[in-house]
């Protein structure tokens, strides 16, 4: 039973091995032989009809592209691992060509990440921060006797008492020079101000850069600054910065010097000296591994000195969940913080931190990072250290997150995935239609070659394909309700006959829209003097006779299966 091929045949876009009709382990000599043969078949100069000439040119270019990729060892290794999309990633030209498959995969993932970052940040690399401070101390610090005197005093008073907005953009001037423009606005309890800064950075060498900064504001006054960075050794670098602020009280100079060194693969040590209105000496140790992040810092200075220790544990899950805690103590008091962070979408990270201390009280800090934009919401709950405030600051965000995650985030991500699948289906249907058109063109171009091959095989009593069908066959006694889906591959198979031999590998492209996929079969009726049919496993079954017609059905059950038809 046979029927025309349906649209739902599996589609493997641009399989170069199938296009050249070679096995995946083919040598360079096998590639060259197949390439020459196909070039003779599809060369545009062999066809006079304008339409056939145009179709031949398209197929000829495809064959040439496949040979260019597979004949180069480096490109072939990338194609074997990632397919055609892997070759489209920018940056392969600077990668060392003698790489193992594991190294190539790692390099591919790195280049993909860099490409996503470039698309995300674009040319101007915009960065911004919005911080909104909320005073919610009335929830816990109110006095009942005072509250009763207020009209409508049954509801606590919550207000926004401070806000900060900052934004910066970059503009490359030359290959070594970059200009940056940044500005900020701040307000607190009804008073505020802003400033604007212009910075020009120059990369002087592979080891260092320098930048000059000019700023102006309505609070601190104009600013002139200079900053330099230098790699001293491969494991150590130095940063120096100095500035002069022209405030209403007179010029205020400042200077800072920071040096850092790699102590081992995952550990950095920092030493910083700062002189100016807030002079201090700070030393810190940072250890960052795949599963944790640890920081230990000590600062001695005026007016603040402190000791700080923090630890962050990274879960190895899809959402990149992290839990963290820190302890900071000094002249100002003691602060304990704990919180969690989780990735909620491809470019968004949400975190919540509870900060409690004496005399600061209890504060809930919510942070949302969306690409290069950051949104901060510090909510001050109480000036005292109340267990009820700590409890609600801990449990409240968890309950709200679980509700939002189930009611909003999960349905949104599912809708996005369904939309992407629908787009893929439409794109696949378009590609299949295009491939079928190319296959029909290829069959037309093969007609003359097939006629010559049949005449040659007839003259030497060789191998002639009478008819061949490929696809999913349905018998009359089983699976009657299922529709047969097969296509005629007689012409492509006959075109593959050479010296009375027909060799089919797992990459043989007898079907115009796919390679071998289970549970499809290839059914061939042929005529030959003497025939043997076998499988890649080496099993041969001789069929002897004079000018006999034989019908052979080969079930292809995997991508590594292959079939051989050869003359004895």
Protein backbone atom coordinates (compact mmCIF):
# COMPACT_ATOMS: atom_id res chain seq x y z
CA UNK A 1 0.00 0.00 0.00
CA UNK A 2 1.43 3.34 -0.96
CA UNK A 3 0.34 6.91 -0.59
CA UNK A 4 1.94 10.28 -1.11
CA UNK A 5 4.32 11.48 1.51
CA UNK A 6 2.71 13.73 4.19
CA UNK A 7 4.09 16.91 5.68
CA UNK A 8 4.86 15.30 9.03
CA UNK A 9 7.91 13.40 7.89
CA UNK A 10 10.78 14.20 10.23
CA UNK A 11 13.02 16.91 8.89
CA UNK A 12 16.76 17.15 9.23
CA UNK A 13 17.86 20.52 7.90
CA UNK A 14 20.93 20.56 5.64
CA UNK A 15 22.58 17.24 6.49
CA UNK A 16 25.90 17.61 4.72
CA UNK A 17 26.69 13.86 4.90
CA UNK A 18 23.37 13.01 3.24
CA UNK A 19 23.90 15.72 0.66
CA UNK A 20 27.23 14.15 -0.37
CA UNK A 21 25.92 10.59 0.11
CA UNK A 22 28.81 9.54 2.37
CA UNK A 23 28.97 7.92 5.77
CA UNK A 24 29.80 10.01 8.83
CA UNK A 25 33.23 8.36 9.10
CA UNK A 26 34.06 9.03 5.43
CA UNK A 27 37.69 9.75 4.59
CA UNK A 28 38.87 12.76 2.63
CA UNK A 29 39.26 10.60 -0.49
CA UNK A 30 35.66 9.40 -0.23
CA UNK A 31 34.49 12.99 0.15
CA UNK A 32 36.44 14.07 -2.93
CA UNK A 33 35.08 11.20 -5.05
CA UNK A 34 31.48 11.91 -4.07
CA UNK A 35 31.96 15.65 -4.56
CA UNK A 36 33.33 15.22 -8.08
CA UNK A 37 30.47 12.90 -9.00
CA UNK A 38 27.80 15.27 -7.75
CA UNK A 39 29.47 18.25 -9.41
CA UNK A 40 29.25 16.45 -12.74
CA UNK A 41 25.59 15.70 -12.05
CA UNK A 42 24.53 19.20 -10.94
CA UNK A 43 26.87 21.44 -12.91
CA UNK A 44 24.77 24.32 -14.34
CA UNK A 45 26.60 24.29 -17.69
CA UNK A 46 25.19 20.84 -18.45
CA UNK A 47 21.62 22.14 -18.66
CA UNK A 48 20.23 24.45 -21.37
CA UNK A 49 16.76 25.01 -19.98
CA UNK A 50 16.83 28.25 -17.86
CA UNK A 51 14.71 26.77 -15.08
CA UNK A 52 16.76 23.58 -14.86
CA UNK A 53 19.93 25.67 -15.00
CA UNK A 54 18.75 27.75 -12.04
CA UNK A 55 17.81 24.66 -10.03
CA UNK A 56 21.12 23.00 -10.86
CA UNK A 57 23.00 26.07 -9.69
CA UNK A 58 21.24 25.96 -6.30
CA UNK A 59 22.04 22.27 -5.79
CA UNK A 60 25.59 22.77 -7.02
CA UNK A 61 26.15 25.52 -4.43
CA UNK A 62 24.75 23.32 -1.67
CA UNK A 63 27.06 20.46 -2.58
CA UNK A 64 30.02 22.85 -2.71
CA UNK A 65 29.16 24.26 0.73
CA UNK A 66 28.87 20.77 2.22
CA UNK A 67 32.26 19.77 0.78
CA UNK A 68 33.91 22.97 2.06
CA UNK A 69 32.76 22.17 5.60
CA UNK A 70 33.44 18.43 5.68
CA UNK A 71 36.83 18.65 3.96
CA UNK A 72 38.16 20.96 6.69
CA UNK A 73 38.92 18.99 9.87
CA UNK A 74 38.20 21.90 12.22
CA UNK A 75 34.88 22.86 10.60
CA UNK A 76 33.89 19.20 10.38
CA UNK A 77 34.48 18.69 14.13
CA UNK A 78 32.29 21.72 14.92
CA UNK A 79 29.58 20.51 12.51
CA UNK A 80 29.59 17.00 14.02
CA UNK A 81 29.04 18.43 17.50
CA UNK A 82 26.62 21.31 16.88
CA UNK A 83 25.39 21.07 13.30
CA UNK A 84 25.09 23.96 10.90
CA UNK A 85 24.13 26.42 13.66
CA UNK A 86 27.47 25.84 15.35
CA UNK A 87 29.28 27.12 12.26
CA UNK A 88 27.30 30.37 12.37
CA UNK A 89 28.65 31.37 15.81
CA UNK A 90 31.09 34.27 15.61
CA UNK A 91 34.60 33.84 16.96
CA UNK A 92 35.68 30.43 15.59
CA UNK A 93 38.32 32.12 13.43
CA UNK A 94 40.38 33.02 16.52
CA UNK A 95 40.07 29.59 18.17
CA UNK A 96 42.99 27.21 18.07
CA UNK A 97 42.26 24.60 15.42
CA UNK A 98 43.81 21.60 17.20
CA UNK A 99 41.09 21.06 19.78
CA UNK A 100 39.40 17.98 21.22
CA UNK A 101 35.59 17.65 20.92
CA UNK A 102 35.22 18.53 24.63
CA UNK A 103 37.29 21.69 24.18
CA UNK A 104 35.32 22.66 21.07
CA UNK A 105 32.03 22.20 22.98
CA UNK A 106 33.30 24.38 25.84
CA UNK A 107 34.46 27.05 23.39
CA UNK A 108 31.11 26.94 21.58
CA UNK A 109 29.21 27.53 24.82
CA UNK A 110 31.52 30.43 25.70
CA UNK A 111 31.03 32.06 22.29
CA UNK A 112 27.26 31.60 22.58
CA UNK A 113 27.26 33.36 25.96
CA UNK A 114 29.31 36.24 24.58
CA UNK A 115 26.98 36.54 21.61
CA UNK A 116 23.94 36.71 23.89
CA UNK A 117 25.63 39.37 26.02
CA UNK A 118 26.47 41.45 22.95
CA UNK A 119 22.88 41.24 21.72
CA UNK A 120 21.56 42.11 25.17
CA UNK A 121 23.78 45.08 25.94
CA UNK A 122 23.89 46.32 22.33
CA UNK A 123 26.38 48.94 21.31
CA UNK A 124 25.73 51.59 24.00
CA UNK A 125 25.82 49.12 26.92
CA UNK A 126 23.12 50.92 28.97
CA UNK A 127 23.09 50.34 32.71
CA UNK A 128 20.64 51.69 35.24
CA UNK A 129 19.53 51.47 38.85
CA UNK A 130 16.25 52.49 40.44
CA UNK A 131 15.98 52.39 44.22
CA UNK A 132 12.74 53.14 46.09
CA UNK A 133 12.92 53.29 49.89
CA UNK A 134 9.73 52.47 51.78
CA UNK A 135 9.11 53.45 55.41
CA UNK A 136 6.80 50.82 56.90
CA UNK A 137 7.75 51.28 60.56
CA UNK A 138 4.13 52.12 61.38
CA UNK A 139 3.33 48.43 60.96
CA UNK A 140 5.28 47.47 64.09
CA UNK A 141 6.41 50.62 65.97
CA UNK A 142 3.06 52.42 66.34
CA UNK A 143 1.63 53.19 69.76
CA UNK A 144 -2.00 52.25 70.27
CA UNK A 145 -2.89 55.31 72.38
CA UNK A 146 -1.56 57.68 69.71
CA UNK A 147 -3.14 55.68 66.91
CA UNK A 148 -6.60 56.00 68.42
CA UNK A 149 -6.43 59.80 68.24
CA UNK A 150 -5.86 59.81 64.47
CA UNK A 151 -8.90 59.87 62.16
CA UNK A 152 -9.30 56.51 60.54
CA UNK A 153 -6.43 55.26 62.68
CA UNK A 154 -7.16 51.61 62.01
CA UNK A 155 -4.76 51.57 59.05
CA UNK A 156 -0.98 51.92 59.39
CA UNK A 157 0.78 54.71 57.50
CA UNK A 158 3.27 53.55 54.84
CA UNK A 159 5.21 56.06 52.75
CA UNK A 160 8.06 56.33 50.27
CA UNK A 161 10.72 58.39 52.00
CA UNK A 162 13.63 58.17 49.55
CA UNK A 163 14.37 57.43 45.92
CA UNK A 164 17.48 57.12 43.77
CA UNK A 165 17.73 56.83 39.98
CA UNK A 166 20.97 56.42 38.03
CA UNK A 167 21.71 55.64 34.38
CA UNK A 168 24.83 55.30 32.27
CA UNK A 169 25.64 54.66 28.61
CA UNK A 170 28.83 53.99 26.67
CA UNK A 171 29.87 55.19 23.22
CA UNK A 172 32.98 53.71 21.55
CA UNK A 173 35.02 56.48 19.93
CA UNK A 174 37.86 54.40 18.50
CA UNK A 175 39.19 50.88 19.02
CA UNK A 176 40.98 52.09 22.17
CA UNK A 177 38.82 54.99 23.36
CA UNK A 178 35.40 54.88 24.99
CA UNK A 179 33.24 57.72 26.32
CA UNK A 180 30.76 57.15 29.14
CA UNK A 181 27.93 59.40 30.23
CA UNK A 182 26.22 58.84 33.59
CA UNK A 183 23.80 60.72 35.78
CA UNK A 184 21.82 60.25 38.97
CA UNK A 185 18.96 61.83 40.92
CA UNK A 186 18.32 61.34 44.63
CA UNK A 187 15.68 62.50 47.07
CA UNK A 188 15.22 61.85 50.80
CA UNK A 189 12.41 63.17 52.98
CA UNK A 190 11.55 65.94 50.54
CA UNK A 191 15.07 67.16 49.72
CA UNK A 192 17.47 65.91 47.10
CA UNK A 193 19.74 66.65 44.18
CA UNK A 194 21.53 65.18 41.23
CA UNK A 195 24.78 65.03 39.32
CA UNK A 196 26.12 64.21 35.88
CA UNK A 197 29.49 62.70 34.95
CA UNK A 198 31.43 62.32 31.70
CA UNK A 199 34.28 59.81 31.55
CA UNK A 200 36.74 59.09 28.76
CA UNK A 201 38.66 55.80 28.93
CA UNK A 202 41.69 54.84 26.85
CA UNK A 203 43.21 51.36 26.64
CA UNK A 204 46.94 52.04 26.43
CA UNK A 205 48.04 48.41 26.18
CA UNK A 206 46.96 44.86 26.86
CA UNK A 207 48.06 45.37 30.46
CA UNK A 208 46.40 48.62 31.41
CA UNK A 209 44.05 51.52 30.81
CA UNK A 210 43.38 54.98 32.15
CA UNK A 211 40.37 57.27 32.37
CA UNK A 212 39.57 60.91 33.08
CA UNK A 213 36.31 61.93 34.75
CA UNK A 214 34.49 65.27 34.84
CA UNK A 215 31.41 65.78 36.97
CA UNK A 216 28.99 68.43 38.15
CA UNK A 217 26.18 68.44 40.70
CA UNK A 218 23.99 70.74 42.76
CA UNK A 219 25.16 69.35 46.10
CA UNK A 220 28.86 68.49 46.07
CA UNK A 221 29.97 70.72 43.21
CA UNK A 222 32.25 70.09 40.20
CA UNK A 223 34.58 67.07 40.17
CA UNK A 224 37.78 66.21 38.33
CA UNK A 225 39.15 62.68 38.66
CA UNK A 226 41.82 60.39 37.25
CA UNK A 227 41.86 56.58 37.41
CA UNK A 228 44.44 54.05 36.20
CA UNK A 229 44.55 50.26 36.01
CA UNK A 230 47.63 48.10 35.46
CA UNK A 231 48.38 44.39 35.41
CA UNK A 232 51.66 44.06 37.32
CA UNK A 233 51.98 40.30 36.82
CA UNK A 234 49.61 37.66 35.41
CA UNK A 235 48.37 37.10 38.97
CA UNK A 236 48.43 40.64 40.35
CA UNK A 237 46.95 44.02 39.35
CA UNK A 238 46.88 47.58 40.71
CA UNK A 239 44.25 50.34 40.59
CA UNK A 240 44.96 53.97 41.51
CA UNK A 241 42.45 56.81 41.69
CA UNK A 242 42.59 60.47 42.67
CA UNK A 243 40.05 63.28 42.53
CA UNK A 244 39.34 66.89 43.44
CA UNK A 245 35.87 67.99 44.50
CA UNK A 246 35.05 71.73 44.47
CA UNK A 247 32.45 71.90 47.23
CA UNK A 248 30.95 75.08 48.78
CA UNK A 249 33.32 74.57 51.73
CA UNK A 250 36.36 74.54 49.48
CA UNK A 251 38.37 71.98 47.49
CA UNK A 252 38.24 68.44 48.87
CA UNK A 253 40.96 66.14 47.50
CA UNK A 254 40.74 62.37 47.70
CA UNK A 255 42.95 59.45 46.75
CA UNK A 256 42.72 55.65 46.80
CA UNK A 257 45.01 52.75 45.96
CA UNK A 258 43.97 49.13 45.59
CA UNK A 259 45.99 46.03 44.78
CA UNK A 260 44.74 42.49 44.26
CA UNK A 261 46.39 39.13 43.82
CA UNK A 262 45.24 35.65 42.80
CA UNK A 263 46.13 33.42 45.74
CA UNK A 264 44.93 30.32 43.91
CA UNK A 265 42.52 29.43 41.12
CA UNK A 266 39.43 30.43 43.13
CA UNK A 267 40.76 32.86 45.74
CA UNK A 268 41.54 36.58 45.47
CA UNK A 269 43.16 38.84 48.07
CA UNK A 270 42.53 42.62 48.11
CA UNK A 271 44.28 45.46 49.94
CA UNK A 272 42.89 49.01 49.67
CA UNK A 273 43.98 52.35 51.09
CA UNK A 274 41.66 55.34 50.89
CA UNK A 275 42.42 58.94 51.89
CA UNK A 276 39.93 61.79 51.99
CA UNK A 277 36.76 62.67 53.90
CA UNK A 278 36.37 58.95 54.81
CA UNK A 279 39.92 57.62 55.18
CA UNK A 280 40.31 53.87 55.73
CA UNK A 281 42.48 50.83 55.17
CA UNK A 282 40.62 47.71 54.03
CA UNK A 283 41.78 44.16 53.42
CA UNK A 284 39.56 41.36 52.14
CA UNK A 285 39.70 37.75 51.05
CA UNK A 286 37.26 36.43 48.43
CA UNK A 287 36.88 32.77 47.48
CA UNK A 288 34.51 31.92 44.65
CA UNK A 289 33.88 28.33 43.53
CA UNK A 290 31.21 26.61 41.50
CA UNK A 291 29.13 25.84 44.59
CA UNK A 292 29.95 28.67 47.05
CA UNK A 293 31.15 32.24 47.52
CA UNK A 294 32.94 33.38 50.70
CA UNK A 295 34.09 36.88 51.69
CA UNK A 296 36.08 38.04 54.73
CA UNK A 297 36.83 41.76 55.10
CA UNK A 298 38.39 44.00 57.75
CA UNK A 299 38.35 47.81 57.63
CA UNK A 300 40.12 50.26 59.94
CA UNK A 301 39.23 53.89 59.36
CA UNK A 302 37.49 57.11 60.28
CA UNK A 303 34.63 57.23 61.03
CA UNK A 304 33.83 53.52 60.42
CA UNK A 305 35.75 50.38 61.29
CA UNK A 306 34.22 46.94 60.91
CA UNK A 307 34.70 43.22 60.45
CA UNK A 308 32.50 41.49 57.88
CA UNK A 309 32.04 37.85 56.91
CA UNK A 310 29.60 36.49 54.32
CA UNK A 311 28.87 33.11 52.77
CA UNK A 312 26.76 32.16 49.76
CA UNK A 313 25.79 28.64 48.70
CA UNK A 314 24.96 27.99 45.03
CA UNK A 315 22.52 25.20 44.21
CA UNK A 316 23.26 23.38 40.95
CA UNK A 317 19.74 23.65 39.59
CA UNK A 318 18.18 25.15 36.49
CA UNK A 319 17.01 28.30 38.32
CA UNK A 320 20.50 29.01 39.77
CA UNK A 321 19.16 29.28 43.32
CA UNK A 322 21.46 30.81 45.93
CA UNK A 323 21.15 31.26 49.71
CA UNK A 324 23.36 33.68 51.58
CA UNK A 325 24.13 35.01 55.01
CA UNK A 326 26.46 37.64 56.44
CA UNK A 327 27.61 39.15 59.73
CA UNK A 328 28.99 42.68 60.02
CA UNK A 329 30.11 44.32 63.27
CA UNK A 330 31.87 47.61 64.00
CA UNK A 331 31.65 50.99 65.71
CA UNK A 332 28.14 51.49 64.26
CA UNK A 333 26.78 48.28 65.79
CA UNK A 334 26.10 44.78 64.49
CA UNK A 335 24.11 43.74 61.44
CA UNK A 336 23.04 40.21 60.46
CA UNK A 337 21.69 39.53 56.98
CA UNK A 338 20.29 36.42 55.30
CA UNK A 339 18.43 35.90 52.07
CA UNK A 340 17.94 33.98 48.82
CA UNK A 341 18.30 34.62 45.11
CA UNK A 342 16.71 32.87 42.16
CA UNK A 343 16.57 33.21 38.39
CA UNK A 344 12.94 33.69 37.32
CA UNK A 345 13.47 34.09 33.56
CA UNK A 346 16.27 34.09 31.00
CA UNK A 347 17.44 37.61 31.89
CA UNK A 348 15.79 38.26 35.28
CA UNK A 349 17.04 37.47 38.78
CA UNK A 350 14.99 38.10 41.93
CA UNK A 351 16.45 38.21 45.43
CA UNK A 352 15.19 39.04 48.93
CA UNK A 353 17.36 39.81 51.96
CA UNK A 354 16.42 40.38 55.60
CA UNK A 355 18.71 42.78 57.47
CA UNK A 356 18.47 43.10 61.25
CA UNK A 357 20.75 44.83 63.70
CA UNK A 358 21.24 47.25 66.53
CA UNK A 359 20.46 50.13 66.28
CA UNK A 360 19.30 49.83 62.63
CA UNK A 361 16.26 47.64 63.32
CA UNK A 362 14.76 45.30 60.70
CA UNK A 363 14.74 45.95 56.93
CA UNK A 364 13.53 43.81 54.03
CA UNK A 365 15.51 44.38 50.81
CA UNK A 366 13.98 43.20 47.52
CA UNK A 367 16.15 43.30 44.40
CA UNK A 368 15.17 42.60 40.79
CA UNK A 369 17.89 42.50 38.12
CA UNK A 370 16.56 42.58 34.58
CA UNK A 371 19.37 42.43 32.01
CA UNK A 372 21.50 45.51 32.78
CA UNK A 373 18.78 47.27 34.81
CA UNK A 374 18.51 46.88 38.59
CA UNK A 375 15.50 47.68 40.76
CA UNK A 376 15.92 47.95 44.55
CA UNK A 377 13.15 48.18 47.15
CA UNK A 378 14.48 48.52 50.73
CA UNK A 379 11.48 48.33 53.10
CA UNK A 380 12.27 49.56 56.63
CA UNK A 381 9.95 47.64 58.95
CA UNK A 382 11.00 48.71 62.44
CA UNK A 383 13.66 50.65 64.34
CA UNK A 384 13.71 47.95 67.00
CA UNK A 385 14.73 44.32 66.89
CA UNK A 386 11.26 42.71 67.06
CA UNK A 387 10.75 38.96 66.51
CA UNK A 388 7.41 39.62 64.80
CA UNK A 389 9.06 41.89 62.22
CA UNK A 390 11.76 39.29 61.54
CA UNK A 391 9.14 36.58 61.14
CA UNK A 392 6.97 38.50 58.66
CA UNK A 393 10.02 39.74 56.74
CA UNK A 394 11.07 36.11 56.30
CA UNK A 395 7.75 34.36 55.66
CA UNK A 396 5.98 37.15 53.74
CA UNK A 397 8.29 37.20 50.67
CA UNK A 398 8.23 33.39 50.48
CA UNK A 399 4.43 33.25 50.40
CA UNK A 400 4.18 36.09 47.87
CA UNK A 401 6.84 34.52 45.64
CA UNK A 402 5.15 31.10 45.66
CA UNK A 403 1.81 32.68 44.75
CA UNK A 404 3.30 34.81 41.95
CA UNK A 405 5.37 31.89 40.69
CA UNK A 406 2.36 29.60 40.42
CA UNK A 407 -0.19 32.12 39.17
CA UNK A 408 1.95 34.32 36.90
CA UNK A 409 5.48 33.05 36.19
CA UNK A 410 4.64 29.41 35.39
CA UNK A 411 1.71 30.22 33.03
CA UNK A 412 3.81 32.93 31.35
CA UNK A 413 6.79 30.63 30.73
CA UNK A 414 4.50 27.86 29.46
CA UNK A 415 2.83 30.29 27.06
CA UNK A 416 6.26 31.40 25.83
CA UNK A 417 7.34 27.79 25.23
CA UNK A 418 4.13 27.02 23.33
CA UNK A 419 4.64 30.12 21.23
CA UNK A 420 8.23 29.11 20.44
CA UNK A 421 7.08 25.58 19.51
CA UNK A 422 4.44 26.99 17.20
CA UNK A 423 7.03 29.21 15.51
CA UNK A 424 9.31 26.17 15.13
CA UNK A 425 6.48 24.18 13.55
CA UNK A 426 5.79 26.94 11.05
CA UNK A 427 9.48 27.31 10.27
CA UNK A 428 9.86 23.54 9.90
CA UNK A 429 6.87 23.35 7.55
CA UNK A 430 8.37 26.11 5.40
CA UNK A 431 11.75 24.36 5.33
CA UNK A 432 10.16 21.02 4.42
CA UNK A 433 8.27 22.61 1.54
CA UNK A 434 11.49 24.20 0.32
CA UNK A 435 13.39 20.91 0.60
CA UNK A 436 10.68 19.03 -1.30
CA UNK A 437 10.89 21.57 -4.07
CA UNK A 438 14.66 21.15 -4.19
CA UNK A 439 14.22 17.36 -4.22
CA UNK A 440 11.84 17.54 -7.17
CA UNK A 441 14.36 19.73 -8.98
CA UNK A 442 17.13 17.24 -8.20
CA UNK A 443 15.05 14.37 -9.63
CA UNK A 444 14.52 16.33 -12.85
CA UNK A 445 18.24 16.98 -13.11
CA UNK A 446 18.97 13.28 -12.56
CA UNK A 447 16.80 12.03 -15.42
CA UNK A 448 19.47 12.24 -18.12
CA UNK A 449 22.13 10.69 -15.86
CA UNK A 450 19.75 7.89 -14.86
CA UNK A 451 19.00 7.13 -18.53
CA UNK A 452 22.73 6.74 -19.26
CA UNK A 453 23.25 4.60 -16.14
CA UNK A 454 20.36 2.27 -17.09
CA UNK A 455 21.72 1.85 -20.64
CA UNK A 456 25.18 1.08 -19.26
CA UNK A 457 23.83 -1.46 -16.78
CA UNK A 458 21.63 -3.08 -19.45
CA UNK A 459 24.63 -3.51 -21.74
CA UNK A 460 26.63 -5.38 -19.09
CA UNK A 461 23.61 -7.10 -17.47
CA UNK A 462 24.18 -5.11 -14.29
CA UNK A 463 21.96 -3.64 -11.62
CA UNK A 464 18.72 -1.83 -12.56
CA UNK A 465 16.23 -0.40 -10.06
CA UNK A 466 12.69 -1.11 -11.29
CA UNK A 467 10.98 0.78 -8.47
CA UNK A 468 11.83 1.79 -4.93
CA UNK A 469 9.68 3.15 -2.14
CA UNK A 470 10.81 4.58 1.16
CA UNK A 471 8.71 5.34 4.25
CA UNK A 472 6.22 3.73 6.56
CA UNK A 473 4.37 0.80 5.02
CA UNK A 474 1.02 -0.47 6.32
CA UNK A 475 -0.19 -3.99 5.60
CA UNK A 476 -3.84 -4.90 4.98
CA UNK A 477 -4.06 -7.12 8.06
CA UNK A 478 -2.59 -4.83 10.68
CA UNK A 479 -2.85 -1.16 11.54
CA UNK A 480 -5.58 -0.63 8.94
CA UNK A 481 -6.55 2.73 10.37
CA UNK A 482 -3.03 4.12 10.01
CA UNK A 483 -2.18 5.79 6.72
CA UNK A 484 0.84 4.66 4.75
CA UNK A 485 3.41 7.38 4.16
CA UNK A 486 5.94 6.52 1.48
CA UNK A 487 7.67 8.28 -1.40
CA UNK A 488 9.10 7.11 -4.71
CA UNK A 489 12.93 7.04 -4.60
CA UNK A 490 13.55 5.04 -7.76
CA UNK A 491 15.45 7.79 -9.58
CA UNK A 492 17.74 8.76 -6.66
CA UNK A 493 18.62 5.10 -6.02
CA UNK A 494 19.37 4.36 -9.66
CA UNK A 495 21.57 7.45 -9.78
CA UNK A 496 23.62 6.00 -6.89
CA UNK A 497 24.37 2.80 -8.84
CA UNK A 498 28.00 2.64 -9.91
CA UNK A 499 29.77 -0.38 -11.44
CA UNK A 500 26.68 -2.52 -10.78
CA UNK A 501 26.85 -1.66 -7.09
CA UNK A 502 24.40 0.21 -4.89
CA UNK A 503 25.81 1.16 -1.50
CA UNK A 504 23.54 2.84 1.04
CA UNK A 505 24.96 4.15 4.30
CA UNK A 506 23.22 5.79 7.23
CA UNK A 507 23.71 9.13 5.46
CA UNK A 508 22.36 8.13 2.05
CA UNK A 509 19.86 10.74 0.91
CA UNK A 510 17.24 8.74 -0.95
CA UNK A 511 14.46 10.66 0.76
CA UNK A 512 14.29 14.35 -0.11
CA UNK A 513 13.31 15.54 3.34
CA UNK A 514 14.97 13.24 5.85
CA UNK A 515 17.65 10.71 6.72
CA UNK A 516 17.18 7.18 8.07
CA UNK A 517 14.84 7.20 11.07
CA UNK A 518 13.10 4.27 12.71
CA UNK A 519 10.71 2.61 12.01
CA UNK A 520 10.87 3.36 8.27
CA UNK A 521 11.65 0.82 5.54
CA UNK A 522 13.10 0.86 2.07
CA UNK A 523 11.37 -1.47 -0.43
CA UNK A 524 13.22 -2.07 -3.70
CA UNK A 525 12.34 -4.12 -6.78
CA UNK A 526 15.32 -4.61 -9.06
CA UNK A 527 16.64 -6.68 -11.96
CA UNK A 528 20.15 -8.13 -12.12
CA UNK A 529 22.17 -11.13 -13.23
CA UNK A 530 23.14 -12.16 -9.77
CA UNK A 531 22.38 -10.41 -6.57
CA UNK A 532 23.22 -10.54 -2.92
CA UNK A 533 21.46 -8.46 -0.28
CA UNK A 534 22.91 -7.92 3.14
CA UNK A 535 23.18 -5.64 6.13
CA UNK A 536 26.03 -3.81 7.81
CA UNK A 537 26.26 -6.65 10.31
CA UNK A 538 27.72 -8.82 7.53
CA UNK A 539 24.79 -11.20 6.90
CA UNK A 540 24.57 -12.08 3.16
CA UNK A 541 21.72 -13.92 1.45
CA UNK A 542 22.52 -14.91 -2.21
CA UNK A 543 19.75 -14.71 -4.78
CA UNK A 544 20.87 -16.59 -7.88
CA UNK A 545 19.30 -16.59 -11.32
CA UNK A 546 19.48 -15.29 -14.87
CA UNK A 547 17.99 -11.85 -15.47
CA UNK A 548 15.66 -12.28 -12.56
CA UNK A 549 13.55 -9.64 -10.90
CA UNK A 550 13.79 -9.53 -7.10
CA UNK A 551 11.87 -7.64 -4.50
CA UNK A 552 13.81 -6.74 -1.37
CA UNK A 553 12.49 -5.00 1.73
CA UNK A 554 15.04 -3.55 4.13
CA UNK A 555 13.90 -2.31 7.53
CA UNK A 556 16.13 0.52 8.70
CA UNK A 557 15.90 0.66 12.48
CA UNK A 558 18.57 3.21 13.45
CA UNK A 559 20.75 6.01 12.21
CA UNK A 560 23.79 3.70 12.07
CA UNK A 561 22.09 1.00 10.03
CA UNK A 562 23.20 0.54 6.42
CA UNK A 563 22.31 -1.64 3.45
CA UNK A 564 24.37 -3.03 0.57
CA UNK A 565 23.21 -4.25 -2.81
CA UNK A 566 26.10 -5.59 -4.88
CA UNK A 567 26.76 -7.82 -7.85
CA UNK A 568 28.48 -11.14 -7.15
